[in-house]
N, C-alpha and C. Protein backbone atom coordinates (compact mmCIF):
# COMPACT_ATOMS: atom_id res chain seq x y z
N LEU A 1 133.61 126.82 9.84
CA LEU A 1 134.91 126.50 10.40
C LEU A 1 135.20 127.33 11.64
N LEU A 2 134.90 128.61 11.55
CA LEU A 2 135.22 129.51 12.66
C LEU A 2 134.43 129.13 13.91
N ALA A 3 133.15 128.89 13.75
CA ALA A 3 132.32 128.56 14.91
C ALA A 3 132.74 127.22 15.51
N GLY A 4 133.14 126.28 14.67
CA GLY A 4 133.58 124.98 15.16
C GLY A 4 134.84 125.10 16.01
N LYS A 5 135.78 125.91 15.55
CA LYS A 5 137.02 126.10 16.31
C LYS A 5 136.74 126.83 17.63
N ALA A 6 135.80 127.76 17.60
CA ALA A 6 135.44 128.46 18.83
C ALA A 6 134.81 127.49 19.83
N MET A 7 133.96 126.59 19.35
CA MET A 7 133.35 125.60 20.24
C MET A 7 134.40 124.66 20.81
N GLU A 8 135.40 124.28 19.99
CA GLU A 8 136.49 123.45 20.50
C GLU A 8 137.25 124.18 21.60
N ALA A 9 137.52 125.46 21.38
CA ALA A 9 138.25 126.25 22.38
C ALA A 9 137.45 126.35 23.67
N LEU A 10 136.15 126.55 23.56
CA LEU A 10 135.31 126.64 24.76
C LEU A 10 135.19 125.29 25.46
N GLY A 11 135.23 124.21 24.69
CA GLY A 11 135.20 122.89 25.31
C GLY A 11 136.46 122.62 26.12
N ARG A 12 137.58 123.13 25.64
CA ARG A 12 138.83 122.93 26.35
C ARG A 12 138.97 123.88 27.54
N ASN A 13 138.42 125.10 27.39
CA ASN A 13 138.60 126.11 28.43
C ASN A 13 137.30 126.91 28.59
N PRO A 14 136.34 126.40 29.36
CA PRO A 14 135.04 127.07 29.49
C PRO A 14 135.11 128.47 30.12
N GLU A 15 136.17 128.76 30.86
CA GLU A 15 136.28 130.08 31.49
C GLU A 15 136.54 131.18 30.48
N ALA A 16 136.94 130.82 29.27
CA ALA A 16 137.28 131.82 28.25
C ALA A 16 136.08 132.17 27.38
N THR A 17 134.88 131.96 27.88
CA THR A 17 133.68 132.19 27.08
C THR A 17 133.59 133.62 26.56
N GLY A 18 133.82 134.60 27.40
CA GLY A 18 133.68 136.00 27.00
C GLY A 18 134.58 136.40 25.84
N PRO A 19 135.89 136.27 25.99
CA PRO A 19 136.79 136.68 24.90
C PRO A 19 136.62 135.86 23.63
N VAL A 20 136.42 134.55 23.77
CA VAL A 20 136.27 133.70 22.58
C VAL A 20 134.99 134.07 21.84
N GLN A 21 133.91 134.26 22.57
CA GLN A 21 132.64 134.59 21.93
C GLN A 21 132.71 135.97 21.27
N GLN A 22 133.34 136.91 21.93
CA GLN A 22 133.47 138.25 21.36
C GLN A 22 134.28 138.22 20.07
N ASN A 23 135.40 137.52 20.08
CA ASN A 23 136.23 137.43 18.88
C ASN A 23 135.52 136.67 17.77
N MET A 24 134.75 135.64 18.11
CA MET A 24 134.04 134.87 17.10
C MET A 24 132.97 135.73 16.44
N ILE A 25 132.22 136.48 17.22
CA ILE A 25 131.17 137.34 16.66
C ILE A 25 131.78 138.40 15.76
N LEU A 26 132.89 138.98 16.17
CA LEU A 26 133.57 139.99 15.36
C LEU A 26 134.05 139.39 14.04
N ALA A 27 134.65 138.22 14.09
CA ALA A 27 135.15 137.57 12.87
C ALA A 27 134.00 137.19 11.95
N LEU A 28 132.90 136.70 12.51
CA LEU A 28 131.74 136.36 11.69
C LEU A 28 131.14 137.61 11.04
N ALA A 29 131.15 138.73 11.74
CA ALA A 29 130.64 139.97 11.17
C ALA A 29 131.51 140.43 10.00
N PHE A 30 132.84 140.32 10.14
CA PHE A 30 133.72 140.68 9.03
C PHE A 30 133.51 139.76 7.84
N ALA A 31 133.36 138.47 8.08
CA ALA A 31 133.13 137.52 6.99
C ALA A 31 131.81 137.83 6.28
N GLU A 32 130.80 138.15 7.04
CA GLU A 32 129.50 138.49 6.45
C GLU A 32 129.59 139.78 5.64
N ALA A 33 130.32 140.76 6.15
CA ALA A 33 130.47 142.03 5.43
C ALA A 33 131.19 141.81 4.10
N ILE A 34 132.21 140.98 4.08
CA ILE A 34 132.93 140.71 2.83
C ILE A 34 131.99 140.06 1.82
N ALA A 35 131.15 139.14 2.27
CA ALA A 35 130.20 138.49 1.38
C ALA A 35 129.20 139.50 0.82
N ILE A 36 128.73 140.42 1.64
CA ILE A 36 127.78 141.43 1.17
C ILE A 36 128.45 142.36 0.16
N TYR A 37 129.70 142.78 0.43
CA TYR A 37 130.42 143.63 -0.52
C TYR A 37 130.62 142.91 -1.85
N ALA A 38 130.94 141.63 -1.81
CA ALA A 38 131.12 140.86 -3.04
C ALA A 38 129.81 140.78 -3.82
N LEU A 39 128.70 140.61 -3.13
CA LEU A 39 127.40 140.56 -3.79
C LEU A 39 127.08 141.89 -4.46
N VAL A 40 127.35 142.99 -3.77
CA VAL A 40 127.09 144.32 -4.34
C VAL A 40 127.95 144.54 -5.58
N VAL A 41 129.22 144.19 -5.52
CA VAL A 41 130.11 144.35 -6.68
C VAL A 41 129.62 143.48 -7.84
N ALA A 42 129.20 142.26 -7.56
CA ALA A 42 128.70 141.38 -8.62
C ALA A 42 127.45 141.96 -9.28
N ILE A 43 126.56 142.52 -8.49
CA ILE A 43 125.34 143.12 -9.06
C ILE A 43 125.69 144.35 -9.88
N ILE A 44 126.62 145.15 -9.41
CA ILE A 44 127.05 146.34 -10.17
C ILE A 44 127.66 145.91 -11.49
N ILE A 45 128.52 144.90 -11.47
CA ILE A 45 129.14 144.42 -12.72
C ILE A 45 128.09 143.86 -13.66
N LEU A 46 127.09 143.20 -13.11
CA LEU A 46 126.04 142.59 -13.93
C LEU A 46 125.21 143.64 -14.66
N PHE A 47 124.91 144.73 -14.01
CA PHE A 47 124.00 145.72 -14.59
C PHE A 47 124.69 146.93 -15.20
N VAL A 48 125.99 147.03 -15.13
CA VAL A 48 126.68 148.20 -15.70
C VAL A 48 127.51 147.79 -16.89
């Protein structure tokens, strides 16, 4: 969803590539980190 909205924004305003891309990468990194933390917690719960 996030990448799709970023592509829509770039399609409407190609000059905003820098800020949109930077914010998209940051948001994707946070989403990935949350998924990794959830996986670690699930493994800890499974084995403890």
